[in-house]
């Protein structure tokens, strides 16, 4: 299965996240993961799941020169300092 088939039924959005330890992450997220939740803030503030599932993420850790890439990454929502969707008007 190629990436195009995998993402076909997903409504992905590119986001940026900062964690409490200073780690920065750029990734995609399935914005329609939970019915009735169509915004990033809905997913983060929801207590239905303790983790945010990130796809094709690039992690920039303090003190490391090279970014770390992850195909799938689970982030505990309690560790998120802030998150923002990337500008969709490019």
N, C-alpha and C. Protein backbone atom coordinates (compact mmCIF):
# COMPACT_ATOMS: atom_id res chain seq x y z
N UNK A 1 0.85 -1.17 0.00
CA UNK A 1 0.00 0.00 0.00
C UNK A 1 0.90 1.24 0.00
N UNK A 2 0.68 2.15 -0.93
CA UNK A 2 1.48 3.36 -0.96
C UNK A 2 0.85 4.44 -0.07
N UNK A 3 1.59 5.53 0.18
CA UNK A 3 1.12 6.60 1.05
C UNK A 3 -0.18 7.22 0.57
N UNK A 4 -0.34 7.31 -0.75
CA UNK A 4 -1.55 7.92 -1.30
C UNK A 4 -2.80 7.13 -0.88
N UNK A 5 -2.72 5.81 -0.92
CA UNK A 5 -3.84 4.97 -0.51
C UNK A 5 -4.10 5.11 0.98
N UNK A 6 -3.06 5.17 1.77
CA UNK A 6 -3.19 5.26 3.22
C UNK A 6 -3.89 6.55 3.63
N UNK A 7 -3.56 7.66 3.00
CA UNK A 7 -4.11 8.96 3.38
C UNK A 7 -5.42 9.29 2.66
N UNK A 8 -5.89 8.42 1.79
CA UNK A 8 -7.07 8.69 0.99
C UNK A 8 -8.29 9.06 1.84
N UNK A 9 -8.55 8.34 2.91
CA UNK A 9 -9.73 8.57 3.73
C UNK A 9 -9.45 9.44 4.95
N UNK A 10 -8.32 10.11 4.95
CA UNK A 10 -7.95 10.95 6.08
C UNK A 10 -8.00 12.42 5.69
N UNK A 11 -8.42 13.25 6.61
CA UNK A 11 -8.36 14.69 6.43
C UNK A 11 -7.17 15.17 7.24
N UNK A 12 -6.00 15.23 6.60
CA UNK A 12 -4.78 15.57 7.33
C UNK A 12 -4.52 17.07 7.32
N UNK A 13 -3.87 17.52 8.35
CA UNK A 13 -3.46 18.91 8.46
C UNK A 13 -2.05 18.92 9.04
N UNK A 14 -1.21 19.79 8.52
CA UNK A 14 0.14 19.94 9.03
C UNK A 14 0.10 20.84 10.26
N UNK A 15 0.80 20.41 11.31
CA UNK A 15 0.80 21.17 12.56
C UNK A 15 2.22 21.33 13.09
N UNK A 16 2.37 22.26 14.02
CA UNK A 16 3.62 22.45 14.77
C UNK A 16 3.28 22.34 16.24
N UNK A 17 4.13 21.63 16.99
CA UNK A 17 3.91 21.43 18.42
C UNK A 17 5.19 21.74 19.17
N UNK A 18 5.05 22.37 20.32
CA UNK A 18 6.15 22.53 21.27
C UNK A 18 5.78 21.75 22.52
N UNK A 19 6.72 20.94 23.01
CA UNK A 19 6.51 20.17 24.23
C UNK A 19 7.14 20.89 25.41
N UNK A 20 6.76 20.50 26.61
CA UNK A 20 7.24 21.17 27.81
C UNK A 20 8.75 21.07 27.99
N UNK A 21 9.40 20.07 27.39
CA UNK A 21 10.86 19.92 27.50
C UNK A 21 11.62 20.71 26.43
N UNK A 22 10.90 21.48 25.60
CA UNK A 22 11.53 22.29 24.56
C UNK A 22 11.58 21.61 23.20
N UNK A 23 11.16 20.37 23.11
CA UNK A 23 11.13 19.66 21.83
C UNK A 23 10.10 20.31 20.91
N UNK A 24 10.48 20.48 19.64
CA UNK A 24 9.57 21.01 18.63
C UNK A 24 9.29 19.90 17.61
N UNK A 25 8.03 19.80 17.18
CA UNK A 25 7.65 18.75 16.24
C UNK A 25 6.81 19.37 15.12
N UNK A 26 7.16 19.04 13.89
CA UNK A 26 6.34 19.34 12.71
C UNK A 26 5.79 18.01 12.24
N UNK A 27 4.47 17.94 12.01
CA UNK A 27 3.87 16.67 11.64
C UNK A 27 2.53 16.87 10.97
N UNK A 28 1.96 15.78 10.49
CA UNK A 28 0.59 15.77 10.00
C UNK A 28 -0.28 15.08 11.03
N UNK A 29 -1.55 15.45 11.04
CA UNK A 29 -2.50 14.87 11.97
C UNK A 29 -3.80 14.63 11.23
N UNK A 30 -4.49 13.55 11.58
CA UNK A 30 -5.81 13.27 11.01
C UNK A 30 -6.81 14.10 11.81
N UNK A 31 -7.25 15.20 11.25
CA UNK A 31 -8.11 16.15 11.96
C UNK A 31 -9.51 15.57 12.21
N UNK A 32 -9.91 14.56 11.43
CA UNK A 32 -11.23 13.93 11.61
C UNK A 32 -11.14 12.60 12.35
N UNK A 33 -10.14 12.44 13.19
CA UNK A 33 -9.93 11.17 13.90
C UNK A 33 -11.12 10.81 14.77
N UNK A 34 -11.74 11.81 15.41
CA UNK A 34 -12.89 11.57 16.26
C UNK A 34 -14.09 12.32 15.67
N UNK A 35 -15.24 11.67 15.56
CA UNK A 35 -16.42 12.35 15.01
C UNK A 35 -16.78 13.60 15.81
N UNK A 36 -17.07 14.69 15.10
CA UNK A 36 -17.45 15.93 15.75
C UNK A 36 -16.27 16.80 16.16
N UNK A 37 -15.07 16.34 15.90
CA UNK A 37 -13.87 17.10 16.25
C UNK A 37 -13.18 17.48 14.94
N UNK A 38 -13.29 18.74 14.55
CA UNK A 38 -12.75 19.15 13.26
C UNK A 38 -11.63 20.18 13.38
N UNK A 39 -11.21 20.49 14.60
CA UNK A 39 -10.12 21.45 14.80
C UNK A 39 -9.04 20.83 15.66
N UNK A 40 -7.82 21.31 15.51
CA UNK A 40 -6.71 20.84 16.31
C UNK A 40 -7.00 21.03 17.80
N UNK A 41 -7.56 22.17 18.16
CA UNK A 41 -7.86 22.43 19.57
C UNK A 41 -8.88 21.44 20.13
N UNK A 42 -9.82 20.98 19.28
CA UNK A 42 -10.79 19.97 19.71
C UNK A 42 -10.07 18.67 20.09
N UNK A 43 -9.12 18.25 19.27
CA UNK A 43 -8.41 17.00 19.54
C UNK A 43 -7.53 17.10 20.78
N UNK A 44 -6.87 18.24 20.96
CA UNK A 44 -5.98 18.39 22.10
C UNK A 44 -6.75 18.50 23.41
N UNK A 45 -7.86 19.22 23.39
CA UNK A 45 -8.61 19.41 24.63
C UNK A 45 -9.53 18.23 24.97
N UNK A 46 -9.77 17.33 24.03
CA UNK A 46 -10.63 16.17 24.28
C UNK A 46 -9.96 15.24 25.29
N UNK A 47 -10.77 14.73 26.22
CA UNK A 47 -10.24 13.77 27.18
C UNK A 47 -10.59 12.33 26.78
N UNK A 48 -11.05 12.14 25.55
CA UNK A 48 -11.41 10.80 25.07
C UNK A 48 -10.18 9.93 24.85
N UNK A 49 -9.07 10.53 24.44
CA UNK A 49 -7.82 9.81 24.23
C UNK A 49 -6.69 10.63 24.84
N UNK A 50 -5.80 9.99 25.61
CA UNK A 50 -4.71 10.75 26.23
C UNK A 50 -3.56 11.09 25.28
N UNK A 51 -3.55 10.46 24.09
CA UNK A 51 -2.44 10.67 23.16
C UNK A 51 -2.92 11.30 21.86
N UNK A 52 -2.03 12.10 21.27
CA UNK A 52 -2.25 12.69 19.96
C UNK A 52 -1.39 11.88 18.99
N UNK A 53 -1.98 11.39 17.90
CA UNK A 53 -1.27 10.56 16.93
C UNK A 53 -0.77 11.46 15.81
N UNK A 54 0.55 11.48 15.63
CA UNK A 54 1.19 12.30 14.60
C UNK A 54 1.72 11.40 13.49
N UNK A 55 1.64 11.88 12.26
CA UNK A 55 2.06 11.13 11.08
C UNK A 55 3.16 11.90 10.37
N UNK A 56 4.18 11.18 9.89
CA UNK A 56 5.30 11.79 9.16
C UNK A 56 5.86 12.98 9.91
N UNK A 57 6.29 12.75 11.12
CA UNK A 57 6.75 13.84 11.97
C UNK A 57 8.26 14.02 11.90
N UNK A 58 8.67 15.26 12.14
CA UNK A 58 10.08 15.61 12.27
C UNK A 58 10.24 16.27 13.63
N UNK A 59 11.09 15.68 14.48
CA UNK A 59 11.26 16.13 15.85
C UNK A 59 12.61 16.83 16.00
N UNK A 60 12.58 18.02 16.58
CA UNK A 60 13.79 18.80 16.85
C UNK A 60 13.97 18.87 18.36
N UNK A 61 14.93 18.09 18.87
CA UNK A 61 15.17 18.03 20.31
C UNK A 61 16.26 19.01 20.70
N UNK A 62 16.08 19.71 21.82
CA UNK A 62 17.12 20.63 22.29
C UNK A 62 18.44 19.88 22.51
N UNK A 63 19.53 20.45 22.04
CA UNK A 63 20.84 19.85 22.22
C UNK A 63 21.24 18.87 21.12
N UNK A 64 20.35 18.56 20.20
CA UNK A 64 20.66 17.67 19.08
C UNK A 64 20.69 18.48 17.80
N UNK A 65 21.72 18.26 16.98
CA UNK A 65 21.86 19.01 15.73
C UNK A 65 20.95 18.50 14.63
N UNK A 66 20.75 17.19 14.57
CA UNK A 66 19.97 16.59 13.48
C UNK A 66 18.55 16.27 13.95
N UNK A 67 17.56 16.61 13.12
CA UNK A 67 16.17 16.26 13.48
C UNK A 67 15.96 14.75 13.40
N UNK A 68 14.98 14.27 14.13
CA UNK A 68 14.63 12.85 14.15
C UNK A 68 13.29 12.69 13.44
N UNK A 69 13.24 11.79 12.48
CA UNK A 69 12.01 11.57 11.71
C UNK A 69 11.31 10.31 12.22
N UNK A 70 9.96 10.41 12.32
CA UNK A 70 9.13 9.29 12.74
C UNK A 70 7.97 9.16 11.77
N UNK A 71 7.68 7.94 11.34
CA UNK A 71 6.52 7.71 10.48
C UNK A 71 5.23 7.90 11.28
N UNK A 72 5.20 7.37 12.50
CA UNK A 72 4.07 7.54 13.40
C UNK A 72 4.62 7.84 14.78
N UNK A 73 4.00 8.80 15.45
CA UNK A 73 4.47 9.22 16.77
C UNK A 73 3.26 9.49 17.65
N UNK A 74 3.28 8.96 18.86
CA UNK A 74 2.21 9.19 19.83
C UNK A 74 2.73 10.13 20.89
N UNK A 75 2.03 11.26 21.09
CA UNK A 75 2.44 12.26 22.06
C UNK A 75 1.39 12.35 23.17
N UNK A 76 1.83 12.25 24.41
CA UNK A 76 0.94 12.43 25.54
C UNK A 76 0.50 13.89 25.56
N UNK A 77 -0.80 14.14 25.53
CA UNK A 77 -1.32 15.51 25.46
C UNK A 77 -0.90 16.36 26.65
N UNK A 78 -0.62 15.74 27.80
CA UNK A 78 -0.20 16.48 28.98
C UNK A 78 1.17 17.12 28.80
N UNK A 79 1.94 16.68 27.81
CA UNK A 79 3.28 17.21 27.56
C UNK A 79 3.29 18.31 26.50
N UNK A 80 2.13 18.65 25.94
CA UNK A 80 2.06 19.67 24.90
C UNK A 80 1.96 21.04 25.55
N UNK A 81 2.93 21.91 25.24
CA UNK A 81 2.91 23.29 25.72
C UNK A 81 2.02 24.13 24.82
N UNK A 82 2.20 24.01 23.51
CA UNK A 82 1.32 24.68 22.54
C UNK A 82 1.38 23.94 21.21
N UNK A 83 0.32 24.11 20.43
CA UNK A 83 0.23 23.51 19.10
C UNK A 83 -0.52 24.46 18.20
N UNK A 84 -0.12 24.49 16.94
CA UNK A 84 -0.77 25.37 15.98
C UNK A 84 -0.81 24.71 14.60
N UNK A 85 -1.89 24.88 13.87
CA UNK A 85 -1.91 24.38 12.49
C UNK A 85 -1.03 25.26 11.61
N UNK A 86 -0.39 24.65 10.64
CA UNK A 86 0.40 25.42 9.68
C UNK A 86 -0.55 26.19 8.78
N UNK A 87 -0.08 27.27 8.21
CA UNK A 87 -0.88 28.09 7.30
C UNK A 87 -1.29 27.25 6.10
N UNK A 88 -2.59 27.16 5.84
CA UNK A 88 -3.11 26.38 4.72
C UNK A 88 -3.18 27.20 3.43
N UNK A 89 -2.80 28.46 3.45
CA UNK A 89 -2.93 29.37 2.31
C UNK A 89 -1.65 29.47 1.49
N UNK A 90 -0.84 28.46 1.43
CA UNK A 90 0.45 28.53 0.72
C UNK A 90 0.29 28.37 -0.75
